[in-house]
Amino acid sequence: MHVLILGATGAAGLLLIQEALIALHTVVVYARAPEKIPEEIKYDPRVTVHKGQLDDREALSFAMKGVDAVLSALGPSVSRGPLYPKGTPLARAYSLIIELMKSNRVRRLLALGTPSITDPNDKFSLRMSIIVNGVATLARTAYQDVVAIGETIKGQGNDLDWTIARVPLLSGANDKNFVVGYVGDEKTGVWLTRAGFALFVVQELKNNEWVKKAPLITLP
């Protein structure tokens, strides 16, 4: 497939590019700072790089032309705490992304989320509740943005085949193992590697097992 990857210059996004190339996809990268992309990726003939902001309608639409799916590693930076901007900027970006997907006839969206986005299949988990409440308290505006991302995708994505890959605490380890389920199901945990996230997204792009669902992806 020919895929557009957003959030590609972050740690998870770079792994997502690599995993997509391993699966023999061709990749369009849309990034605000493409100079952050390693040269071995930037100059790979299977990769096309476009520079632009998430609110640049014309540039984003141009990057989206001809792709089969949008894979997004966009996520609010919880580490910025109270310094994270107000106004749910990423949720507003997703609103534009979904609008442009529809106008460019791109149906498949796989997006990064967190357990702050709730799901009817979730059950109570003390550990996860502590994590989510901690984020909501210490990084309120980032929490509000990720919740709004879930609402935007679910509310505006009726015509799309979307999947929200909710991830818990992320690590940089190389372990690609993962399980898929929901909060409190006695199968999922509270950790996942970024490599595991990337592998799940690329496998789900092929298998389409979680369309219009928001599963939790964690280490076994």
N, C-alpha and C. Protein backbone atom coordinates (compact mmCIF):
# COMPACT_ATOMS: atom_id res chain seq x y z
N MET A 1 0.83 -1.19 0.00
CA MET A 1 0.00 0.00 0.00
C MET A 1 0.88 1.26 0.00
N HIS A 2 0.25 2.35 -0.34
CA HIS A 2 0.89 3.66 -0.32
C HIS A 2 0.30 4.41 0.87
N VAL A 3 1.11 4.70 1.89
CA VAL A 3 0.57 5.23 3.14
C VAL A 3 1.18 6.59 3.49
N LEU A 4 0.35 7.43 4.11
CA LEU A 4 0.81 8.70 4.65
C LEU A 4 1.03 8.53 6.14
N ILE A 5 2.21 8.93 6.62
CA ILE A 5 2.52 8.81 8.04
C ILE A 5 2.66 10.19 8.64
N LEU A 6 1.91 10.43 9.71
CA LEU A 6 1.95 11.68 10.45
C LEU A 6 2.61 11.44 11.80
N GLY A 7 3.22 12.48 12.36
CA GLY A 7 3.97 12.29 13.59
C GLY A 7 5.23 11.49 13.36
N ALA A 8 5.76 11.60 12.15
CA ALA A 8 6.82 10.70 11.71
C ALA A 8 8.19 11.01 12.29
N THR A 9 8.38 12.20 12.84
CA THR A 9 9.72 12.55 13.33
C THR A 9 9.92 12.19 14.80
N GLY A 10 8.87 11.76 15.48
CA GLY A 10 9.01 11.31 16.85
C GLY A 10 9.53 9.88 16.91
N ALA A 11 9.83 9.42 18.12
CA ALA A 11 10.40 8.08 18.28
C ALA A 11 9.47 7.00 17.75
N ALA A 12 8.17 7.09 18.07
CA ALA A 12 7.22 6.09 17.58
C ALA A 12 7.01 6.23 16.08
N GLY A 13 7.00 7.46 15.58
CA GLY A 13 6.78 7.69 14.15
C GLY A 13 7.89 7.13 13.29
N LEU A 14 9.13 7.29 13.72
CA LEU A 14 10.26 6.74 12.97
C LEU A 14 10.19 5.22 12.91
N LEU A 15 9.80 4.59 14.02
CA LEU A 15 9.65 3.14 14.02
C LEU A 15 8.49 2.72 13.13
N LEU A 16 7.47 3.54 13.06
CA LEU A 16 6.33 3.25 12.19
C LEU A 16 6.74 3.29 10.72
N ILE A 17 7.57 4.26 10.35
CA ILE A 17 8.10 4.30 8.98
C ILE A 17 8.88 3.03 8.68
N GLN A 18 9.77 2.66 9.59
CA GLN A 18 10.60 1.48 9.38
C GLN A 18 9.76 0.22 9.24
N GLU A 19 8.74 0.09 10.08
CA GLU A 19 7.88 -1.10 10.04
C GLU A 19 7.08 -1.14 8.75
N ALA A 20 6.63 0.02 8.28
CA ALA A 20 5.88 0.08 7.02
C ALA A 20 6.77 -0.33 5.85
N LEU A 21 8.02 0.09 5.87
CA LEU A 21 8.94 -0.28 4.79
C LEU A 21 9.26 -1.76 4.84
N ILE A 22 9.41 -2.32 6.03
CA ILE A 22 9.65 -3.76 6.16
C ILE A 22 8.49 -4.54 5.54
N ALA A 23 7.27 -4.02 5.70
CA ALA A 23 6.09 -4.67 5.15
C ALA A 23 5.88 -4.36 3.67
N LEU A 24 6.86 -3.70 3.05
CA LEU A 24 6.88 -3.42 1.61
C LEU A 24 5.85 -2.37 1.18
N HIS A 25 5.47 -1.50 2.10
CA HIS A 25 4.64 -0.37 1.73
C HIS A 25 5.52 0.77 1.23
N THR A 26 4.96 1.67 0.46
CA THR A 26 5.62 2.92 0.13
C THR A 26 5.05 4.00 1.03
N VAL A 27 5.88 4.98 1.37
CA VAL A 27 5.55 5.89 2.46
C VAL A 27 5.64 7.35 2.02
N VAL A 28 4.63 8.12 2.40
CA VAL A 28 4.68 9.58 2.31
C VAL A 28 4.77 10.10 3.74
N VAL A 29 5.79 10.91 3.99
CA VAL A 29 5.96 11.53 5.30
C VAL A 29 5.58 13.00 5.19
N TYR A 30 4.69 13.43 6.11
CA TYR A 30 4.33 14.85 6.18
C TYR A 30 4.79 15.34 7.54
N ALA A 31 5.74 16.26 7.55
CA ALA A 31 6.36 16.66 8.81
C ALA A 31 6.67 18.14 8.83
N ARG A 32 6.57 18.71 10.02
CA ARG A 32 6.90 20.13 10.21
C ARG A 32 8.41 20.34 10.10
N ALA A 33 9.19 19.35 10.57
CA ALA A 33 10.65 19.46 10.58
C ALA A 33 11.27 18.21 9.97
N PRO A 34 11.19 18.05 8.66
CA PRO A 34 11.71 16.84 8.03
C PRO A 34 13.21 16.64 8.19
N GLU A 35 13.91 17.68 8.61
CA GLU A 35 15.35 17.53 8.84
C GLU A 35 15.62 16.58 10.00
N LYS A 36 14.63 16.29 10.81
CA LYS A 36 14.79 15.34 11.92
C LYS A 36 14.76 13.88 11.45
N ILE A 37 14.38 13.66 10.22
CA ILE A 37 14.29 12.29 9.70
C ILE A 37 15.69 11.81 9.33
N PRO A 38 16.11 10.64 9.79
CA PRO A 38 17.44 10.13 9.44
C PRO A 38 17.62 10.01 7.92
N GLU A 39 18.82 10.25 7.47
CA GLU A 39 19.08 10.27 6.03
C GLU A 39 18.76 8.94 5.37
N GLU A 40 18.99 7.83 6.07
CA GLU A 40 18.73 6.53 5.43
C GLU A 40 17.25 6.32 5.15
N ILE A 41 16.38 7.05 5.89
CA ILE A 41 14.95 7.01 5.60
C ILE A 41 14.59 8.07 4.57
N LYS A 42 15.09 9.27 4.78
CA LYS A 42 14.74 10.39 3.91
C LYS A 42 15.09 10.12 2.44
N TYR A 43 16.23 9.44 2.21
CA TYR A 43 16.67 9.22 0.84
C TYR A 43 16.36 7.82 0.32
N ASP A 44 15.55 7.08 1.07
CA ASP A 44 15.07 5.78 0.58
C ASP A 44 14.12 6.05 -0.59
N PRO A 45 14.29 5.39 -1.72
CA PRO A 45 13.44 5.66 -2.89
C PRO A 45 11.97 5.35 -2.66
N ARG A 46 11.67 4.59 -1.61
CA ARG A 46 10.27 4.26 -1.31
C ARG A 46 9.60 5.31 -0.43
N VAL A 47 10.35 6.34 -0.06
CA VAL A 47 9.85 7.37 0.85
C VAL A 47 9.80 8.73 0.16
N THR A 48 8.67 9.40 0.28
CA THR A 48 8.51 10.77 -0.20
C THR A 48 8.25 11.67 1.00
N VAL A 49 8.95 12.78 1.08
CA VAL A 49 8.85 13.66 2.23
C VAL A 49 8.23 15.00 1.82
N HIS A 50 7.21 15.42 2.56
CA HIS A 50 6.60 16.73 2.36
C HIS A 50 6.71 17.52 3.66
N LYS A 51 7.06 18.78 3.56
CA LYS A 51 7.15 19.65 4.73
C LYS A 51 5.87 20.46 4.86
N GLY A 52 5.37 20.53 6.09
CA GLY A 52 4.18 21.35 6.28
C GLY A 52 3.66 21.27 7.70
N GLN A 53 2.76 22.19 8.04
CA GLN A 53 2.12 22.24 9.34
C GLN A 53 0.79 21.47 9.29
N LEU A 54 0.32 21.05 10.45
CA LEU A 54 -0.92 20.28 10.50
C LEU A 54 -2.15 21.12 10.17
N ASP A 55 -2.02 22.45 10.23
CA ASP A 55 -3.17 23.30 9.90
C ASP A 55 -3.08 23.88 8.49
N ASP A 56 -2.13 23.39 7.69
CA ASP A 56 -1.96 23.86 6.32
C ASP A 56 -2.80 22.97 5.40
N ARG A 57 -4.00 23.40 5.13
CA ARG A 57 -4.95 22.58 4.37
C ARG A 57 -4.40 22.18 3.00
N GLU A 58 -3.83 23.12 2.28
CA GLU A 58 -3.37 22.84 0.91
C GLU A 58 -2.22 21.85 0.91
N ALA A 59 -1.23 22.08 1.78
CA ALA A 59 -0.06 21.22 1.80
C ALA A 59 -0.41 19.81 2.28
N LEU A 60 -1.27 19.70 3.28
CA LEU A 60 -1.67 18.40 3.81
C LEU A 60 -2.49 17.63 2.79
N SER A 61 -3.37 18.32 2.10
CA SER A 61 -4.18 17.66 1.06
C SER A 61 -3.29 17.16 -0.08
N PHE A 62 -2.29 17.95 -0.44
CA PHE A 62 -1.38 17.54 -1.51
C PHE A 62 -0.61 16.28 -1.11
N ALA A 63 -0.17 16.23 0.14
CA ALA A 63 0.56 15.06 0.62
C ALA A 63 -0.31 13.82 0.66
N MET A 64 -1.61 14.03 0.81
CA MET A 64 -2.54 12.91 0.96
C MET A 64 -3.00 12.31 -0.36
N LYS A 65 -2.77 12.99 -1.44
CA LYS A 65 -3.27 12.54 -2.74
C LYS A 65 -2.66 11.19 -3.12
N GLY A 66 -3.53 10.25 -3.45
CA GLY A 66 -3.08 8.96 -3.96
C GLY A 66 -2.73 7.93 -2.90
N VAL A 67 -2.86 8.28 -1.60
CA VAL A 67 -2.50 7.30 -0.58
C VAL A 67 -3.70 6.40 -0.30
N ASP A 68 -3.39 5.22 0.25
CA ASP A 68 -4.43 4.24 0.58
C ASP A 68 -4.86 4.31 2.04
N ALA A 69 -4.00 4.87 2.88
CA ALA A 69 -4.29 4.92 4.31
C ALA A 69 -3.45 6.01 4.96
N VAL A 70 -3.94 6.47 6.12
CA VAL A 70 -3.20 7.42 6.95
C VAL A 70 -2.85 6.73 8.26
N LEU A 71 -1.56 6.69 8.57
CA LEU A 71 -1.08 6.12 9.82
C LEU A 71 -0.54 7.27 10.66
N SER A 72 -1.04 7.41 11.87
CA SER A 72 -0.67 8.58 12.67
C SER A 72 -0.07 8.19 14.01
N ALA A 73 1.10 8.74 14.29
CA ALA A 73 1.73 8.63 15.60
C ALA A 73 1.65 9.96 16.35
N LEU A 74 0.72 10.81 15.93
CA LEU A 74 0.53 12.10 16.61
C LEU A 74 -0.04 11.89 18.00
N GLY A 75 0.52 12.59 18.97
CA GLY A 75 0.00 12.49 20.31
C GLY A 75 0.48 13.67 21.14
N PRO A 76 -0.34 14.14 22.07
CA PRO A 76 0.07 15.28 22.91
C PRO A 76 1.22 14.91 23.82
N SER A 77 2.11 15.84 24.04
CA SER A 77 3.29 15.62 24.88
C SER A 77 2.93 15.82 26.35
N VAL A 78 2.65 14.71 27.03
CA VAL A 78 2.29 14.78 28.45
C VAL A 78 3.44 15.35 29.27
N SER A 79 4.67 15.11 28.83
CA SER A 79 5.85 15.56 29.59
C SER A 79 5.92 17.07 29.72
N ARG A 80 5.19 17.80 28.88
CA ARG A 80 5.18 19.26 28.97
C ARG A 80 4.30 19.75 30.12
N GLY A 81 3.51 18.84 30.67
CA GLY A 81 2.69 19.19 31.83
C GLY A 81 1.82 20.40 31.59
N PRO A 82 1.83 21.37 32.48
CA PRO A 82 0.98 22.56 32.34
C PRO A 82 1.39 23.48 31.19
N LEU A 83 2.53 23.23 30.59
CA LEU A 83 2.99 24.06 29.47
C LEU A 83 2.37 23.62 28.13
N TYR A 84 1.71 22.46 28.12
CA TYR A 84 1.06 22.02 26.87
C TYR A 84 -0.04 23.01 26.51
N PRO A 85 -0.12 23.41 25.23
CA PRO A 85 -1.06 24.47 24.85
C PRO A 85 -2.52 24.10 25.05
N LYS A 86 -3.32 25.11 25.34
CA LYS A 86 -4.77 24.94 25.48
C LYS A 86 -5.42 24.90 24.10
N GLY A 87 -6.68 24.50 24.09
CA GLY A 87 -7.44 24.55 22.84
C GLY A 87 -7.41 23.29 22.02
N THR A 88 -6.97 22.18 22.57
CA THR A 88 -6.92 20.87 21.90
C THR A 88 -6.38 20.96 20.45
N PRO A 89 -5.12 21.37 20.28
CA PRO A 89 -4.59 21.57 18.93
C PRO A 89 -4.55 20.31 18.07
N LEU A 90 -4.24 19.16 18.66
CA LEU A 90 -4.18 17.94 17.85
C LEU A 90 -5.57 17.45 17.47
N ALA A 91 -6.54 17.61 18.34
CA ALA A 91 -7.91 17.25 17.98
C ALA A 91 -8.40 18.10 16.82
N ARG A 92 -8.06 19.39 16.84
CA ARG A 92 -8.43 20.26 15.72
C ARG A 92 -7.71 19.83 14.44
N ALA A 93 -6.47 19.38 14.58
CA ALA A 93 -5.75 18.88 13.41
C ALA A 93 -6.42 17.64 12.86
N TYR A 94 -6.87 16.76 13.73
CA TYR A 94 -7.55 15.54 13.27
C TYR A 94 -8.85 15.87 12.55
N SER A 95 -9.52 16.93 12.98
CA SER A 95 -10.74 17.34 12.28
C SER A 95 -10.44 17.67 10.83
N LEU A 96 -9.34 18.39 10.61
CA LEU A 96 -8.93 18.71 9.24
C LEU A 96 -8.46 17.46 8.50
N ILE A 97 -7.69 16.62 9.17
CA ILE A 97 -7.21 15.39 8.54
C ILE A 97 -8.38 14.54 8.04
N ILE A 98 -9.41 14.38 8.88
CA ILE A 98 -10.57 13.58 8.49
C ILE A 98 -11.31 14.23 7.32
N GLU A 99 -11.46 15.54 7.37
CA GLU A 99 -12.11 16.25 6.26
C GLU A 99 -11.36 16.02 4.95
N LEU A 100 -10.03 16.11 5.00
CA LEU A 100 -9.23 15.94 3.79
C LEU A 100 -9.18 14.48 3.34
N MET A 101 -9.24 13.55 4.28
CA MET A 101 -9.32 12.14 3.90
C MET A 101 -10.58 11.89 3.09
N LYS A 102 -11.68 12.46 3.53
CA LYS A 102 -12.95 12.27 2.81
C LYS A 102 -12.88 12.88 1.41
N SER A 103 -12.33 14.08 1.31
CA SER A 103 -12.27 14.74 0.00
C SER A 103 -11.28 14.05 -0.94
N ASN A 104 -10.27 13.37 -0.37
CA ASN A 104 -9.31 12.63 -1.19
C ASN A 104 -9.64 11.15 -1.30
N ARG A 105 -10.80 10.77 -0.76
CA ARG A 105 -11.29 9.39 -0.84
C ARG A 105 -10.31 8.39 -0.23
N VAL A 106 -9.80 8.75 0.92
CA VAL A 106 -8.94 7.86 1.71
C VAL A 106 -9.77 7.39 2.90
N ARG A 107 -9.98 6.09 3.02
CA ARG A 107 -10.91 5.59 4.04
C ARG A 107 -10.22 5.10 5.32
N ARG A 108 -9.00 4.62 5.22
CA ARG A 108 -8.39 3.91 6.37
C ARG A 108 -7.53 4.86 7.21
N LEU A 109 -7.85 4.92 8.50
CA LEU A 109 -7.10 5.74 9.45
C LEU A 109 -6.73 4.89 10.65
N LEU A 110 -5.44 4.84 10.95
CA LEU A 110 -4.96 4.19 12.17
C LEU A 110 -4.24 5.24 13.00
N ALA A 111 -4.75 5.50 14.19
CA ALA A 111 -4.28 6.63 14.98
C ALA A 111 -3.86 6.21 16.38
N LEU A 112 -2.84 6.87 16.89
CA LEU A 112 -2.38 6.67 18.25
C LEU A 112 -3.36 7.29 19.24
N GLY A 113 -3.65 6.56 20.30
CA GLY A 113 -4.47 7.08 21.38
C GLY A 113 -3.93 6.59 22.71
N THR A 114 -4.63 6.89 23.78
CA THR A 114 -4.25 6.41 25.11
C THR A 114 -5.52 5.98 25.85
N PRO A 115 -5.38 5.33 27.01
CA PRO A 115 -6.58 4.95 27.78
C PRO A 115 -7.38 6.13 28.32
N SER A 116 -6.87 7.35 28.18
CA SER A 116 -7.68 8.53 28.50
C SER A 116 -8.90 8.59 27.59
N ILE A 117 -8.79 7.99 26.41
CA ILE A 117 -9.94 7.79 25.53
C ILE A 117 -10.63 6.52 26.02
N THR A 118 -11.81 6.65 26.57
CA THR A 118 -12.47 5.48 27.15
C THR A 118 -13.23 4.70 26.09
N ASP A 119 -13.52 3.43 26.42
CA ASP A 119 -14.23 2.54 25.51
C ASP A 119 -15.27 1.77 26.31
N PRO A 120 -16.44 1.50 25.76
CA PRO A 120 -17.47 0.75 26.49
C PRO A 120 -17.01 -0.64 26.94
N ASN A 121 -16.01 -1.19 26.28
CA ASN A 121 -15.52 -2.51 26.65
C ASN A 121 -14.52 -2.48 27.81
N ASP A 122 -14.10 -1.30 28.22
CA ASP A 122 -13.16 -1.18 29.33
C ASP A 122 -13.83 -1.59 30.64
N LYS A 123 -13.01 -2.16 31.53
CA LYS A 123 -13.43 -2.45 32.90
C LYS A 123 -12.51 -1.70 33.86
N PHE A 124 -12.86 -1.72 35.11
CA PHE A 124 -12.05 -0.97 36.07
C PHE A 124 -10.69 -1.63 36.26
N SER A 125 -9.65 -0.82 36.25
CA SER A 125 -8.29 -1.25 36.55
C SER A 125 -7.68 -0.20 37.46
N LEU A 126 -7.28 -0.59 38.65
CA LEU A 126 -6.72 0.36 39.59
C LEU A 126 -5.46 0.99 39.04
N ARG A 127 -4.57 0.17 38.48
CA ARG A 127 -3.30 0.70 37.96
C ARG A 127 -3.55 1.68 36.83
N MET A 128 -4.46 1.34 35.92
CA MET A 128 -4.72 2.25 34.80
C MET A 128 -5.43 3.51 35.27
N SER A 129 -6.31 3.36 36.25
CA SER A 129 -7.01 4.52 36.79
C SER A 129 -6.03 5.51 37.42
N ILE A 130 -5.03 5.00 38.12
CA ILE A 130 -4.02 5.87 38.72
C ILE A 130 -3.24 6.62 37.64
N ILE A 131 -2.89 5.91 36.56
CA ILE A 131 -2.13 6.53 35.47
C ILE A 131 -2.96 7.63 34.79
N VAL A 132 -4.19 7.30 34.42
CA VAL A 132 -5.04 8.26 33.71
C VAL A 132 -5.34 9.47 34.59
N ASN A 133 -5.67 9.24 35.85
CA ASN A 133 -5.95 10.36 36.75
C ASN A 133 -4.72 11.22 36.99
N GLY A 134 -3.55 10.58 37.00
CA GLY A 134 -2.31 11.34 37.14
C GLY A 134 -2.08 12.27 35.96
N VAL A 135 -2.32 11.75 34.76
CA VAL A 135 -2.19 12.58 33.57
C VAL A 135 -3.21 13.73 33.60
N ALA A 136 -4.44 13.39 33.95
CA ALA A 136 -5.50 14.41 33.97
C ALA A 136 -5.19 15.52 34.97
N THR A 137 -4.48 15.17 36.04
CA THR A 137 -4.15 16.15 37.07
C THR A 137 -2.91 16.97 36.73
N LEU A 138 -1.85 16.29 36.28
CA LEU A 138 -0.55 16.94 36.08
C LEU A 138 -0.39 17.53 34.68
N ALA A 139 -1.15 17.03 33.72
CA ALA A 139 -1.04 17.52 32.33
C ALA A 139 -2.45 17.68 31.77
N ARG A 140 -3.19 18.56 32.40
CA ARG A 140 -4.63 18.68 32.11
C ARG A 140 -4.92 18.99 30.65
N THR A 141 -4.19 19.92 30.07
CA THR A 141 -4.49 20.31 28.69
C THR A 141 -4.12 19.20 27.70
N ALA A 142 -3.06 18.46 27.97
CA ALA A 142 -2.70 17.31 27.13
C ALA A 142 -3.77 16.23 27.25
N TYR A 143 -4.24 16.00 28.47
CA TYR A 143 -5.33 15.03 28.70
C TYR A 143 -6.57 15.44 27.91
N GLN A 144 -6.93 16.70 27.99
CA GLN A 144 -8.12 17.18 27.27
C GLN A 144 -7.97 17.00 25.76
N ASP A 145 -6.74 17.17 25.26
CA ASP A 145 -6.51 17.03 23.82
C ASP A 145 -6.68 15.58 23.38
N VAL A 146 -6.11 14.64 24.14
CA VAL A 146 -6.22 13.25 23.72
C VAL A 146 -7.67 12.76 23.82
N VAL A 147 -8.40 13.20 24.85
CA VAL A 147 -9.82 12.86 24.93
C VAL A 147 -10.57 13.42 23.73
N ALA A 148 -10.25 14.65 23.36
CA ALA A 148 -10.90 15.29 22.21
C ALA A 148 -10.52 14.60 20.90
N ILE A 149 -9.30 14.06 20.82
CA ILE A 149 -8.90 13.30 19.63
C ILE A 149 -9.84 12.11 19.44
N GLY A 150 -10.08 11.37 20.52
CA GLY A 150 -10.99 10.24 20.44
C GLY A 150 -12.39 10.65 20.02
N GLU A 151 -12.88 11.73 20.60
CA GLU A 151 -14.22 12.22 20.26
C GLU A 151 -14.29 12.66 18.80
N THR A 152 -13.23 13.28 18.32
CA THR A 152 -13.21 13.77 16.93
C THR A 152 -13.21 12.61 15.95
N ILE A 153 -12.36 11.62 16.19
CA ILE A 153 -12.29 10.49 15.26
C ILE A 153 -13.60 9.71 15.26
N LYS A 154 -14.14 9.44 16.44
CA LYS A 154 -15.38 8.68 16.53
C LYS A 154 -16.57 9.47 16.00
N GLY A 155 -16.57 10.79 16.25
CA GLY A 155 -17.70 11.62 15.86
C GLY A 155 -17.72 12.01 14.40
N GLN A 156 -16.53 12.28 13.84
CA GLN A 156 -16.46 12.74 12.45
C GLN A 156 -16.04 11.65 11.48
N GLY A 157 -15.65 10.49 12.01
CA GLY A 157 -15.12 9.43 11.15
C GLY A 157 -16.11 8.36 10.75
N ASN A 158 -17.40 8.72 10.71
CA ASN A 158 -18.41 7.72 10.36
C ASN A 158 -18.17 7.09 8.99
N ASP A 159 -17.64 7.86 8.07
CA ASP A 159 -17.42 7.37 6.71
C ASP A 159 -16.04 6.74 6.55
N LEU A 160 -15.27 6.67 7.63
CA LEU A 160 -13.92 6.13 7.56
C LEU A 160 -13.84 4.77 8.24
N ASP A 161 -12.83 4.00 7.88
CA ASP A 161 -12.50 2.77 8.59
C ASP A 161 -11.35 3.10 9.54
N TRP A 162 -11.71 3.55 10.75
CA TRP A 162 -10.69 4.01 11.68
C TRP A 162 -10.40 2.97 12.75
N THR A 163 -9.20 3.03 13.26
CA THR A 163 -8.80 2.27 14.44
C THR A 163 -7.98 3.20 15.32
N ILE A 164 -8.34 3.29 16.59
CA ILE A 164 -7.55 4.04 17.56
C ILE A 164 -6.75 3.04 18.38
N ALA A 165 -5.45 3.04 18.18
CA ALA A 165 -4.57 2.13 18.92
C ALA A 165 -4.20 2.81 20.24
N ARG A 166 -4.90 2.45 21.31
CA ARG A 166 -4.65 3.07 22.60
C ARG A 166 -3.44 2.42 23.26
N VAL A 167 -2.49 3.22 23.65
CA VAL A 167 -1.26 2.71 24.24
C VAL A 167 -1.13 3.24 25.67
N PRO A 168 -0.54 2.43 26.57
CA PRO A 168 -0.33 2.89 27.94
C PRO A 168 1.02 3.59 28.07
N LEU A 169 1.77 3.30 29.10
CA LEU A 169 3.12 3.86 29.24
C LEU A 169 4.02 3.25 28.18
N LEU A 170 4.81 4.08 27.50
CA LEU A 170 5.64 3.62 26.39
C LEU A 170 7.11 3.56 26.81
N SER A 171 7.80 2.55 26.30
CA SER A 171 9.24 2.43 26.54
C SER A 171 9.96 2.31 25.20
N GLY A 172 11.27 2.52 25.25
CA GLY A 172 12.08 2.47 24.04
C GLY A 172 12.74 1.13 23.81
N ALA A 173 12.34 0.10 24.54
CA ALA A 173 12.94 -1.22 24.37
C ALA A 173 12.62 -1.79 22.99
N ASN A 174 13.35 -2.81 22.58
CA ASN A 174 13.19 -3.39 21.25
C ASN A 174 12.15 -4.50 21.19
N ASP A 175 11.54 -4.84 22.30
CA ASP A 175 10.56 -5.92 22.36
C ASP A 175 9.33 -5.55 21.54
N LYS A 176 9.02 -6.35 20.52
CA LYS A 176 7.88 -6.08 19.66
C LYS A 176 6.64 -6.88 20.05
N ASN A 177 6.72 -7.65 21.12
CA ASN A 177 5.56 -8.44 21.53
C ASN A 177 4.45 -7.54 22.02
N PHE A 178 3.21 -7.94 21.75
CA PHE A 178 2.08 -7.18 22.25
C PHE A 178 0.85 -8.08 22.34
N VAL A 179 -0.08 -7.65 23.18
CA VAL A 179 -1.42 -8.25 23.21
C VAL A 179 -2.42 -7.13 22.97
N VAL A 180 -3.59 -7.51 22.50
CA VAL A 180 -4.62 -6.54 22.15
C VAL A 180 -5.88 -6.87 22.94
N GLY A 181 -6.45 -5.89 23.58
CA GLY A 181 -7.67 -6.11 24.35
C GLY A 181 -8.25 -4.80 24.82
N TYR A 182 -8.69 -4.78 26.08
CA TYR A 182 -9.28 -3.57 26.65
C TYR A 182 -8.82 -3.41 28.09
N VAL A 183 -9.00 -2.25 28.63
CA VAL A 183 -8.59 -1.96 30.00
C VAL A 183 -9.32 -2.91 30.96
N GLY A 184 -8.56 -3.48 31.89
CA GLY A 184 -9.16 -4.30 32.93
C GLY A 184 -9.60 -5.68 32.51
N ASP A 185 -9.13 -6.17 31.38
CA ASP A 185 -9.58 -7.49 30.90
C ASP A 185 -8.71 -8.64 31.40
N GLU A 186 -7.79 -8.34 32.30
CA GLU A 186 -6.88 -9.34 32.90
C GLU A 186 -5.88 -9.90 31.89
N LYS A 187 -5.85 -9.33 30.71
CA LYS A 187 -4.89 -9.75 29.69
C LYS A 187 -3.89 -8.64 29.40
N THR A 188 -4.38 -7.42 29.36
CA THR A 188 -3.52 -6.27 29.04
C THR A 188 -2.87 -5.72 30.29
N GLY A 189 -1.77 -4.96 30.08
CA GLY A 189 -1.03 -4.38 31.19
C GLY A 189 -0.96 -2.87 31.09
N VAL A 190 0.14 -2.31 31.57
CA VAL A 190 0.28 -0.84 31.58
C VAL A 190 1.53 -0.38 30.85
N TRP A 191 2.22 -1.29 30.17
CA TRP A 191 3.42 -0.93 29.42
C TRP A 191 3.33 -1.45 27.99
N LEU A 192 3.97 -0.74 27.08
CA LEU A 192 4.13 -1.16 25.68
C LEU A 192 5.39 -0.51 25.16
N THR A 193 6.08 -1.17 24.25
CA THR A 193 7.20 -0.52 23.58
C THR A 193 6.70 0.23 22.36
N ARG A 194 7.43 1.25 21.97
CA ARG A 194 7.08 1.97 20.74
C ARG A 194 7.18 1.05 19.53
N ALA A 195 8.13 0.13 19.58
CA ALA A 195 8.28 -0.85 18.49
C ALA A 195 7.04 -1.73 18.39
N GLY A 196 6.46 -2.09 19.54
CA GLY A 196 5.24 -2.89 19.54
C GLY A 196 4.07 -2.13 18.96
N PHE A 197 3.97 -0.84 19.29
CA PHE A 197 2.93 0.00 18.69
C PHE A 197 3.06 0.02 17.18
N ALA A 198 4.27 0.25 16.68
CA ALA A 198 4.48 0.33 15.24
C ALA A 198 4.11 -0.97 14.55
N LEU A 199 4.49 -2.10 15.14
CA LEU A 199 4.17 -3.39 14.54
C LEU A 199 2.67 -3.64 14.53
N PHE A 200 1.99 -3.30 15.64
CA PHE A 200 0.54 -3.47 15.66
C PHE A 200 -0.12 -2.69 14.54
N VAL A 201 0.26 -1.42 14.37
CA VAL A 201 -0.38 -0.57 13.37
C VAL A 201 -0.21 -1.16 11.97
N VAL A 202 0.99 -1.59 11.64
CA VAL A 202 1.24 -2.12 10.30
C VAL A 202 0.53 -3.45 10.10
N GLN A 203 0.47 -4.28 11.12
CA GLN A 203 -0.27 -5.54 11.00
C GLN A 203 -1.77 -5.29 10.88
N GLU A 204 -2.30 -4.32 11.64
CA GLU A 204 -3.71 -4.00 11.57
C GLU A 204 -4.07 -3.40 10.21
N LEU A 205 -3.16 -2.68 9.61
CA LEU A 205 -3.38 -2.15 8.26
C LEU A 205 -3.68 -3.28 7.28
N LYS A 206 -3.03 -4.39 7.47
CA LYS A 206 -3.24 -5.56 6.61
C LYS A 206 -4.46 -6.37 7.03
N ASN A 207 -4.64 -6.58 8.34
CA ASN A 207 -5.63 -7.54 8.80
C ASN A 207 -7.03 -6.96 9.03
N ASN A 208 -7.11 -5.67 9.32
CA ASN A 208 -8.42 -5.00 9.53
C ASN A 208 -9.29 -5.73 10.56
N GLU A 209 -8.69 -6.09 11.68
CA GLU A 209 -9.42 -6.80 12.72
C GLU A 209 -10.09 -5.87 13.73
N TRP A 210 -9.68 -4.60 13.75
CA TRP A 210 -10.15 -3.67 14.78
C TRP A 210 -10.71 -2.39 14.17
N VAL A 211 -11.46 -2.53 13.09
CA VAL A 211 -12.04 -1.37 12.41
C VAL A 211 -13.17 -0.79 13.26
N LYS A 212 -13.16 0.54 13.39
CA LYS A 212 -14.12 1.28 14.22
C LYS A 212 -14.08 0.81 15.67
N LYS A 213 -12.88 0.47 16.13
CA LYS A 213 -12.69 0.05 17.51
C LYS A 213 -11.47 0.77 18.08
N ALA A 214 -11.39 0.79 19.41
CA ALA A 214 -10.28 1.47 20.09
C ALA A 214 -9.65 0.51 21.11
N PRO A 215 -8.94 -0.50 20.63
CA PRO A 215 -8.34 -1.47 21.54
C PRO A 215 -7.16 -0.89 22.32
N LEU A 216 -6.84 -1.56 23.42
CA LEU A 216 -5.66 -1.24 24.19
C LEU A 216 -4.55 -2.21 23.78
N ILE A 217 -3.38 -1.67 23.45
CA ILE A 217 -2.24 -2.47 23.03
C ILE A 217 -1.20 -2.42 24.13
N THR A 218 -0.78 -3.57 24.66
CA THR A 218 0.21 -3.56 25.73
C THR A 218 1.17 -4.73 25.57
N LEU A 219 2.21 -4.72 26.35
CA LEU A 219 3.05 -5.90 26.46
C LEU A 219 2.26 -7.03 27.09
N PRO A 220 2.58 -8.28 26.73
CA PRO A 220 1.86 -9.42 27.33
C PRO A 220 2.05 -9.46 28.85
